[in-house]
């Protein structure tokens, strides 16, 4: 059976896409980048140059990254205040970016790349494990120092498309290094995994690569998976892989999907599989309005995040603007990484609850658009414990701790007769009596 995935191109005309680009040595300028004809396969993309007049300075930003103010999403999510007062993240937190790859030589990304501990150092012959042509850690991949290119079946080094590099920069461009921008998690370990063949319209291969990449992330220590893409049809192998991620304690952040403004809102996978470790993300502009090209659904989409004209890294030490749920998704992954840094024992469900219940409430603009009608707020996600979540990994009933996952102790007290209460989570601790 064939599983068609349409990775929508926002604002596309059949001739190509438009992205604003800048290099390290010059100010942003607008150019047109040609692309192949839009194909019915897995990739979300796009953008138009941002009107620079709409950018606002933020006094909370203390980083010395010269182009950091080009990303309005940092202001929109109150991220700078979180960096200053709470945390800038941790290199111990690993975020797998399943996308088109990454430019591993980008000056604003290379210091935040994940390094496979089994493929660094010297082997028994005194040769570098990184280039010795041996699968030193026996994980099935030779010299996978920073990740894997599942399209070309080799260690990942580049990004011929640019989408993955852009997404990676939003999550974790190196902060306060005097170069370019800062990611939402200025300190993090990015694990780039390429599943997308830019030269083929064979979607079945892209799906197969996606599944392989998910298992790679699980087996090699990822805490969070960012997946900026999807399509209208489900896939049982993909579902099984994400369920395995849940069982292994891995959070899966997925794009709610892009569409034409005239299209109806439809199901979109993997965001709509309904697994407890999945966070579905839609995109908003600077006015907190959901983009006309973004999917939304009050029963399936969890949260909204900045996605309109987002400035981030591009291959060859460049930077530029892209638009879509592809860009909103890594904002959420970046904040999830910060939460994981502050609360390393949090489960995927706890991180999800923390993200979705501490956001800025937008009753009117997000009504019938997301479950909680909230916009991502980095500072509140790190400074306020979300509804029914406690810092030590406990779940609460009417704000009373009922089970502490760190001590394995429970509160056996009872509620008085006639007092209403709500069970926030029911875990299968019960066993049949013998």
Protein backbone atom coordinates (compact mmCIF):
# COMPACT_ATOMS: atom_id res chain seq x y z
CA UNK A 1 0.00 0.00 0.00
CA UNK A 2 1.32 3.45 -0.87
CA UNK A 3 1.35 6.19 1.77
CA UNK A 4 1.31 9.61 0.19
CA UNK A 5 2.76 12.46 2.19
CA UNK A 6 2.29 16.03 1.01
CA UNK A 7 4.79 18.27 2.67
CA UNK A 8 3.08 21.53 1.82
CA UNK A 9 4.99 24.47 0.46
CA UNK A 10 3.65 27.70 1.88
CA UNK A 11 3.06 30.53 -0.52
CA UNK A 12 4.45 28.49 -3.37
CA UNK A 13 3.94 29.19 -6.99
CA UNK A 14 4.94 26.23 -9.15
CA UNK A 15 8.21 27.94 -10.02
CA UNK A 16 9.82 28.02 -6.60
CA UNK A 17 10.20 29.54 -3.16
CA UNK A 18 11.38 32.82 -1.75
CA UNK A 19 13.73 33.11 1.17
CA UNK A 20 15.61 36.09 2.57
CA UNK A 21 19.28 35.29 2.98
CA UNK A 22 22.25 36.90 4.69
CA UNK A 23 25.83 35.82 5.21
CA UNK A 24 28.03 36.47 8.21
CA UNK A 25 29.55 39.51 6.51
CA UNK A 26 26.54 41.41 5.26
CA UNK A 27 23.05 42.52 6.20
CA UNK A 28 19.99 40.47 5.18
CA UNK A 29 18.86 40.92 1.63
CA UNK A 30 16.05 39.41 -0.38
CA UNK A 31 16.68 36.89 -3.12
CA UNK A 32 14.68 34.33 -5.03
CA UNK A 33 15.78 30.73 -4.70
CA UNK A 34 14.58 28.43 -7.44
CA UNK A 35 13.28 25.01 -6.49
CA UNK A 36 12.02 22.05 -8.38
CA UNK A 37 8.32 21.75 -9.09
CA UNK A 38 6.32 21.04 -6.00
CA UNK A 39 6.14 17.29 -5.45
CA UNK A 40 3.73 15.15 -3.47
CA UNK A 41 6.26 14.03 -0.90
CA UNK A 42 7.46 14.67 2.60
CA UNK A 43 8.62 18.20 3.16
CA UNK A 44 7.39 21.39 4.74
CA UNK A 45 9.06 24.57 3.69
CA UNK A 46 9.11 28.16 2.95
CA UNK A 47 8.99 31.85 3.38
CA UNK A 48 9.03 35.39 2.28
CA UNK A 49 11.39 38.12 3.52
CA UNK A 50 10.32 39.72 6.77
CA UNK A 51 9.54 43.42 6.80
CA UNK A 52 12.44 44.62 8.94
CA UNK A 53 10.39 47.57 10.18
CA UNK A 54 8.28 45.19 12.28
CA UNK A 55 11.21 43.98 14.35
CA UNK A 56 11.44 45.24 17.92
CA UNK A 57 14.44 45.34 20.20
CA UNK A 58 14.18 43.45 23.46
CA UNK A 59 15.99 44.84 26.50
CA UNK A 60 16.04 41.35 28.03
CA UNK A 61 18.36 40.08 25.31
CA UNK A 62 21.88 40.10 26.76
CA UNK A 63 23.48 37.82 24.14
CA UNK A 64 26.11 39.30 21.84
CA UNK A 65 24.80 37.48 18.75
CA UNK A 66 24.57 40.37 16.24
CA UNK A 67 21.46 39.19 14.34
CA UNK A 68 19.47 37.86 17.27
CA UNK A 69 16.87 40.64 17.00
CA UNK A 70 15.95 39.41 13.51
CA UNK A 71 14.04 36.54 15.10
CA UNK A 72 10.81 38.04 16.45
CA UNK A 73 9.93 34.68 17.96
CA UNK A 74 12.45 35.23 20.76
CA UNK A 75 10.47 38.26 21.87
CA UNK A 76 7.17 36.52 21.19
CA UNK A 77 8.01 33.60 23.48
CA UNK A 78 9.76 35.63 26.22
CA UNK A 79 12.83 33.44 25.79
CA UNK A 80 15.50 35.99 26.72
CA UNK A 81 14.05 36.46 30.21
CA UNK A 82 14.18 32.69 30.69
CA UNK A 83 17.83 32.57 29.61
CA UNK A 84 18.79 35.39 31.97
CA UNK A 85 16.95 34.18 35.05
CA UNK A 86 16.58 30.40 34.73
CA UNK A 87 18.60 28.41 32.19
CA UNK A 88 20.21 28.52 28.78
CA UNK A 89 19.95 24.77 28.47
CA UNK A 90 22.40 21.90 28.72
CA UNK A 91 24.61 19.98 26.30
CA UNK A 92 23.41 16.85 28.10
CA UNK A 93 19.99 17.25 26.47
CA UNK A 94 19.89 15.64 23.01
CA UNK A 95 17.39 16.77 20.37
CA UNK A 96 17.17 14.65 17.23
CA UNK A 97 16.23 16.69 14.15
CA UNK A 98 14.72 14.36 11.55
CA UNK A 99 14.79 16.51 8.45
CA UNK A 100 16.99 17.22 5.41
CA UNK A 101 20.25 17.13 7.34
CA UNK A 102 22.40 19.94 8.68
CA UNK A 103 25.43 21.89 7.57
CA UNK A 104 27.83 20.45 10.14
CA UNK A 105 30.39 23.16 9.37
CA UNK A 106 28.04 26.08 10.04
CA UNK A 107 29.82 28.36 12.49
CA UNK A 108 26.63 28.94 14.48
CA UNK A 109 25.75 25.25 14.79
CA UNK A 110 28.88 23.11 14.92
CA UNK A 111 29.59 23.65 18.62
CA UNK A 112 26.10 22.41 19.50
CA UNK A 113 26.24 19.23 17.44
CA UNK A 114 25.71 15.94 19.22
CA UNK A 115 28.78 13.69 19.22
CA UNK A 116 28.40 9.94 19.39
CA UNK A 117 30.56 8.89 22.38
CA UNK A 118 31.26 5.54 20.74
CA UNK A 119 32.74 7.14 17.63
CA UNK A 120 35.14 9.68 19.12
CA UNK A 121 38.65 9.21 20.47
CA UNK A 122 41.19 6.65 19.29
CA UNK A 123 40.68 2.97 18.48
CA UNK A 124 43.01 0.15 19.57
CA UNK A 125 45.29 0.88 16.61
CA UNK A 126 45.64 4.52 17.52
CA UNK A 127 43.41 5.72 14.69
CA UNK A 128 40.60 8.21 15.08
CA UNK A 129 37.31 6.39 15.58
CA UNK A 130 35.60 9.17 13.69
CA UNK A 131 37.22 8.26 10.37
CA UNK A 132 38.48 4.68 10.70
CA UNK A 133 35.71 3.04 8.67
CA UNK A 134 34.70 0.85 11.61
CA UNK A 135 31.43 0.66 13.50
CA UNK A 136 33.20 1.16 16.82
CA UNK A 137 30.07 1.22 18.97
CA UNK A 138 28.33 -1.63 17.08
CA UNK A 139 25.14 0.36 16.55
CA UNK A 140 24.93 -0.60 12.87
CA UNK A 141 26.30 2.70 11.52
CA UNK A 142 29.93 3.29 10.58
CA UNK A 143 31.57 6.54 11.74
CA UNK A 144 28.25 8.16 12.69
CA UNK A 145 29.98 10.87 14.68
CA UNK A 146 27.21 13.47 14.55
CA UNK A 147 24.25 11.56 13.10
CA UNK A 148 23.27 9.72 9.94
CA UNK A 149 22.20 10.41 6.37
CA UNK A 150 19.59 7.72 5.67
CA UNK A 151 19.19 8.80 2.05
CA UNK A 152 22.82 8.24 1.11
CA UNK A 153 23.56 5.73 3.90
CA UNK A 154 26.57 7.56 5.26
CA UNK A 155 27.59 9.84 8.13
CA UNK A 156 25.80 13.16 7.98
CA UNK A 157 27.83 16.18 6.94
CA UNK A 158 25.70 18.48 4.82
CA UNK A 159 22.22 19.73 3.98
CA UNK A 160 21.58 20.11 0.26
CA UNK A 161 18.10 21.48 0.85
CA UNK A 162 18.46 23.95 3.73
CA UNK A 163 15.26 23.09 5.60
CA UNK A 164 16.99 20.98 8.25
CA UNK A 165 19.68 23.58 8.87
CA UNK A 166 17.02 26.26 9.31
CA UNK A 167 15.02 24.13 11.75
CA UNK A 168 18.17 23.22 13.70
CA UNK A 169 19.14 26.85 14.14
CA UNK A 170 15.76 27.69 15.66
CA UNK A 171 16.24 24.94 18.22
CA UNK A 172 19.88 25.36 19.06
CA UNK A 173 22.07 27.86 17.25
CA UNK A 174 24.95 28.60 19.63
CA UNK A 175 24.14 31.55 21.87
CA UNK A 176 26.39 34.39 22.99
CA UNK A 177 29.23 33.48 20.62
CA UNK A 178 29.35 36.83 18.85
CA UNK A 179 28.06 35.24 15.64
CA UNK A 180 24.70 35.30 13.90
CA UNK A 181 21.78 34.29 16.10
CA UNK A 182 20.85 32.19 19.11
CA UNK A 183 18.58 29.18 19.21
CA UNK A 184 15.77 28.90 21.73
CA UNK A 185 18.01 26.50 23.63
CA UNK A 186 21.44 28.16 23.30
CA UNK A 187 23.07 25.12 24.86
CA UNK A 188 21.90 21.74 23.57
CA UNK A 189 23.12 18.75 21.56
CA UNK A 190 21.62 18.54 18.07
CA UNK A 191 21.46 15.08 16.47
CA UNK A 192 20.85 15.62 12.73
CA UNK A 193 19.19 12.78 10.80
CA UNK A 194 18.44 13.08 7.07
CA UNK A 195 15.44 11.13 5.79
CA UNK A 196 14.42 13.27 2.82
CA UNK A 197 15.62 12.59 -0.72
CA UNK A 198 15.60 15.91 -2.57
CA UNK A 199 16.11 14.14 -5.91
CA UNK A 200 13.24 11.67 -5.76
CA UNK A 201 9.46 11.71 -5.54
CA UNK A 202 9.40 8.21 -4.00
CA UNK A 203 7.56 8.93 -0.80
CA UNK A 204 7.71 5.32 0.39
CA UNK A 205 11.48 5.64 0.73
CA UNK A 206 11.14 8.87 2.70
CA UNK A 207 8.74 7.12 5.07
CA UNK A 208 11.10 4.17 5.45
CA UNK A 209 13.94 6.57 6.21
CA UNK A 210 11.74 8.37 8.74
CA UNK A 211 11.10 5.16 10.65
CA UNK A 212 14.81 4.27 10.63
CA UNK A 213 15.66 7.74 11.89
CA UNK A 214 13.19 7.50 14.77
CA UNK A 215 14.70 4.21 15.92
CA UNK A 216 18.20 5.66 15.56
CA UNK A 217 17.23 8.59 17.78
CA UNK A 218 15.71 6.27 20.38
CA UNK A 219 18.68 3.91 20.44
CA UNK A 220 21.32 6.63 20.56
CA UNK A 221 20.11 8.70 23.48
CA UNK A 222 17.79 11.38 22.11
CA UNK A 223 15.45 12.93 24.67
CA UNK A 224 13.39 14.88 22.13
CA UNK A 225 12.63 14.34 18.43
CA UNK A 226 11.75 17.31 16.23
CA UNK A 227 9.76 16.41 13.12
CA UNK A 228 8.82 19.40 10.97
CA UNK A 229 6.68 17.62 8.43
CA UNK A 230 4.03 15.04 7.71
CA UNK A 231 1.07 14.33 5.49
CA UNK A 232 -2.60 13.31 5.27
CA UNK A 233 -2.18 9.53 5.57
CA UNK A 234 -1.10 7.47 8.54
CA UNK A 235 1.52 4.74 8.47
CA UNK A 236 1.53 1.78 10.90
CA UNK A 237 5.33 1.47 10.97
CA UNK A 238 5.71 5.14 11.76
CA UNK A 239 3.07 4.86 14.49
CA UNK A 240 4.89 1.87 16.00
CA UNK A 241 8.21 3.73 15.98
CA UNK A 242 6.75 6.76 17.78
CA UNK A 243 5.03 4.47 20.27
CA UNK A 244 8.41 2.86 20.94
CA UNK A 245 9.78 6.36 21.51
CA UNK A 246 7.05 6.89 24.09
CA UNK A 247 7.95 3.64 25.84
CA UNK A 248 11.57 4.79 25.96
CA UNK A 249 10.72 8.22 27.36
CA UNK A 250 11.31 10.25 24.20
CA UNK A 251 9.18 13.32 23.42
CA UNK A 252 8.03 13.71 19.79
CA UNK A 253 7.31 17.28 18.64
CA UNK A 254 5.51 17.37 15.28
CA UNK A 255 4.20 19.99 12.88
CA UNK A 256 0.43 20.27 12.64
CA UNK A 257 0.97 20.78 8.91
CA UNK A 258 0.72 23.42 6.22
CA UNK A 259 -2.05 23.94 3.70
CA UNK A 260 -3.25 26.37 1.07
CA UNK A 261 -5.44 29.13 2.56
CA UNK A 262 -8.44 27.75 0.66
CA UNK A 263 -7.96 24.15 1.79
CA UNK A 264 -10.00 22.51 4.52
CA UNK A 265 -8.27 21.46 7.72
CA UNK A 266 -7.58 17.74 7.57
CA UNK A 267 -5.81 15.09 9.61
CA UNK A 268 -2.03 15.31 9.47
CA UNK A 269 0.46 12.64 10.48
CA UNK A 270 2.52 11.99 12.52
CA UNK A 271 1.10 14.91 14.55
CA UNK A 272 -2.37 13.32 14.70
CA UNK A 273 -1.49 9.81 15.89
CA UNK A 274 -2.77 10.71 19.34
CA UNK A 275 0.11 9.18 21.29
CA UNK A 276 0.79 10.77 24.69
CA UNK A 277 4.38 11.73 23.80
CA UNK A 278 3.37 13.71 20.68
CA UNK A 279 3.00 17.49 20.76
CA UNK A 280 1.22 18.90 17.71
CA UNK A 281 2.24 22.47 16.86
CA UNK A 282 0.55 25.11 14.71
CA UNK A 283 2.09 28.40 13.56
CA UNK A 284 1.20 32.00 14.40
CA UNK A 285 2.37 35.40 13.21
CA UNK A 286 3.50 38.38 15.31
CA UNK A 287 -0.13 39.26 16.07
CA UNK A 288 -0.83 35.80 17.53
CA UNK A 289 -3.06 34.88 14.61
CA UNK A 290 -2.79 31.35 13.23
CA UNK A 291 -1.30 31.55 9.74
CA UNK A 292 -3.82 31.07 6.96
CA UNK A 293 -1.50 28.38 5.62
CA UNK A 294 -1.32 26.40 8.89
CA UNK A 295 -3.44 23.49 10.01
CA UNK A 296 -5.39 23.91 13.24
CA UNK A 297 -7.79 21.75 15.22
CA UNK A 298 -9.19 22.27 18.72
CA UNK A 299 -9.17 18.55 19.47
CA UNK A 300 -5.80 17.58 17.98
CA UNK A 301 -3.40 20.56 17.96
CA UNK A 302 -1.74 21.13 21.33
CA UNK A 303 -0.10 24.55 21.12
CA UNK A 304 0.73 27.50 18.87
CA UNK A 305 4.23 28.94 18.37
CA UNK A 306 5.93 31.54 16.16
CA UNK A 307 6.09 30.36 12.54
CA UNK A 308 5.67 33.39 10.30
CA UNK A 309 8.86 34.72 8.70
CA UNK A 310 11.35 33.17 11.10
CA UNK A 311 15.05 34.03 10.80
CA UNK A 312 17.52 31.18 11.23
CA UNK A 313 20.60 29.42 9.91
CA UNK A 314 21.04 28.21 6.32
CA UNK A 315 23.85 26.18 4.70
CA UNK A 316 27.22 27.78 3.89
CA UNK A 317 27.23 30.07 6.93
CA UNK A 318 24.17 31.94 5.76
CA UNK A 319 20.91 32.97 7.41
CA UNK A 320 17.42 33.57 6.10
CA UNK A 321 13.67 33.57 6.63
CA UNK A 322 11.22 30.70 6.33
CA UNK A 323 7.56 30.36 7.23
CA UNK A 324 5.35 27.50 8.37
CA UNK A 325 4.58 24.95 11.01
CA UNK A 326 8.07 23.67 10.17
CA UNK A 327 9.41 26.73 11.95
CA UNK A 328 6.89 26.72 14.81
CA UNK A 329 7.73 23.13 15.73
CA UNK A 330 11.41 23.74 16.62
CA UNK A 331 10.40 26.62 18.90
CA UNK A 332 8.52 24.06 20.98
CA UNK A 333 11.37 21.55 20.76
CA UNK A 334 13.79 24.22 21.95
CA UNK A 335 11.69 25.06 25.00
CA UNK A 336 11.20 21.34 25.67
CA UNK A 337 15.00 21.04 25.73
CA UNK A 338 15.21 23.86 28.28
CA UNK A 339 12.60 22.13 30.45
CA UNK A 340 14.53 18.87 30.21
CA UNK A 341 17.67 20.72 31.27
CA UNK A 342 15.95 22.14 34.35
CA UNK A 343 13.92 19.02 35.16
CA UNK A 344 15.99 16.09 33.83
CA UNK A 345 13.65 13.49 35.33
CA UNK A 346 10.52 14.81 33.63
CA UNK A 347 8.71 12.30 31.41
CA UNK A 348 7.44 13.22 27.92
CA UNK A 349 3.93 13.66 29.34
CA UNK A 350 5.19 16.01 32.04
CA UNK A 351 7.14 18.12 29.56
CA UNK A 352 4.09 18.23 27.31
CA UNK A 353 1.85 19.28 30.18
CA UNK A 354 4.38 21.89 31.24
CA UNK A 355 4.47 23.39 27.74
CA UNK A 356 0.75 23.38 27.06
CA UNK A 357 -0.57 24.63 30.41
CA UNK A 358 1.86 27.51 30.98
CA UNK A 359 1.44 29.28 27.65
CA UNK A 360 -0.16 32.66 27.05
CA UNK A 361 -3.91 32.22 26.90
CA UNK A 362 -5.41 33.67 23.71
CA UNK A 363 -9.11 32.97 24.13
CA UNK A 364 -10.28 34.83 21.04
CA UNK A 365 -7.49 34.32 18.52
CA UNK A 366 -6.98 30.63 19.27
CA UNK A 367 -10.59 29.70 19.93
CA UNK A 368 -11.34 26.42 18.12
CA UNK A 369 -7.72 26.38 16.89
CA UNK A 370 -5.85 24.47 19.62
CA UNK A 371 -6.76 22.35 22.65
CA UNK A 372 -5.67 24.83 25.31
CA UNK A 373 -5.82 28.05 23.25
CA UNK A 374 -2.27 28.87 24.35
CA UNK A 375 0.82 30.35 22.72
CA UNK A 376 4.25 29.09 23.75
CA UNK A 377 5.82 31.08 26.60
CA UNK A 378 9.39 30.05 27.40
CA UNK A 379 9.69 32.00 30.63
CA UNK A 380 6.47 30.66 32.13
CA UNK A 381 7.28 27.12 30.99
CA UNK A 382 10.43 27.30 33.10
CA UNK A 383 9.29 29.46 36.01
CA UNK A 384 5.79 28.10 36.66
CA UNK A 385 4.86 24.50 37.23
CA UNK A 386 2.07 23.61 34.86
CA UNK A 387 -1.32 22.31 35.88
CA UNK A 388 -1.10 18.92 37.62
CA UNK A 389 2.70 18.70 37.33
CA UNK A 390 5.16 18.82 40.22
CA UNK A 391 8.92 19.30 40.06
CA UNK A 392 9.78 15.89 41.50
CA UNK A 393 7.79 13.93 38.96
CA UNK A 394 4.53 13.60 40.87
CA UNK A 395 1.01 13.82 39.57
CA UNK A 396 -1.56 15.79 41.50
CA UNK A 397 -5.23 15.28 42.30
CA UNK A 398 -6.91 18.53 43.36
CA UNK A 399 -3.37 19.86 43.92
CA UNK A 400 -2.59 17.02 46.35
CA UNK A 401 0.34 14.81 45.47
CA UNK A 402 -0.87 11.25 44.99
CA UNK A 403 2.22 9.50 43.66
CA UNK A 404 5.85 10.58 43.67
CA UNK A 405 7.80 8.88 40.87
CA UNK A 406 11.15 9.81 42.43
CA UNK A 407 10.49 8.20 45.84
CA UNK A 408 7.83 5.70 44.75
CA UNK A 409 5.74 6.87 47.72
CA UNK A 410 2.05 7.58 47.56
CA UNK A 411 -0.43 9.67 49.52
CA UNK A 412 -2.98 7.21 50.86
CA UNK A 413 -5.16 9.87 52.48
CA UNK A 414 -8.79 10.10 51.50
CA UNK A 415 -11.11 12.93 50.55
CA UNK A 416 -14.03 13.77 52.80
CA UNK A 417 -17.43 12.64 51.71
CA UNK A 418 -19.19 15.11 49.43
CA UNK A 419 -16.03 16.95 48.28
CA UNK A 420 -15.71 16.83 44.47
CA UNK A 421 -12.36 15.86 43.02
CA UNK A 422 -10.77 15.21 39.65
CA UNK A 423 -8.46 12.36 38.74
CA UNK A 424 -5.81 14.01 36.58
CA UNK A 425 -4.04 10.83 35.55
CA UNK A 426 -4.79 7.18 36.12
CA UNK A 427 -1.79 4.89 35.84
CA UNK A 428 -2.10 1.11 35.77
CA UNK A 429 -0.65 0.34 39.20
CA UNK A 430 -3.43 -2.15 40.00
CA UNK A 431 -2.82 -5.87 39.76
CA UNK A 432 -5.39 -8.67 40.10
CA UNK A 433 -5.44 -10.22 43.57
CA UNK A 434 -4.33 -13.82 43.82
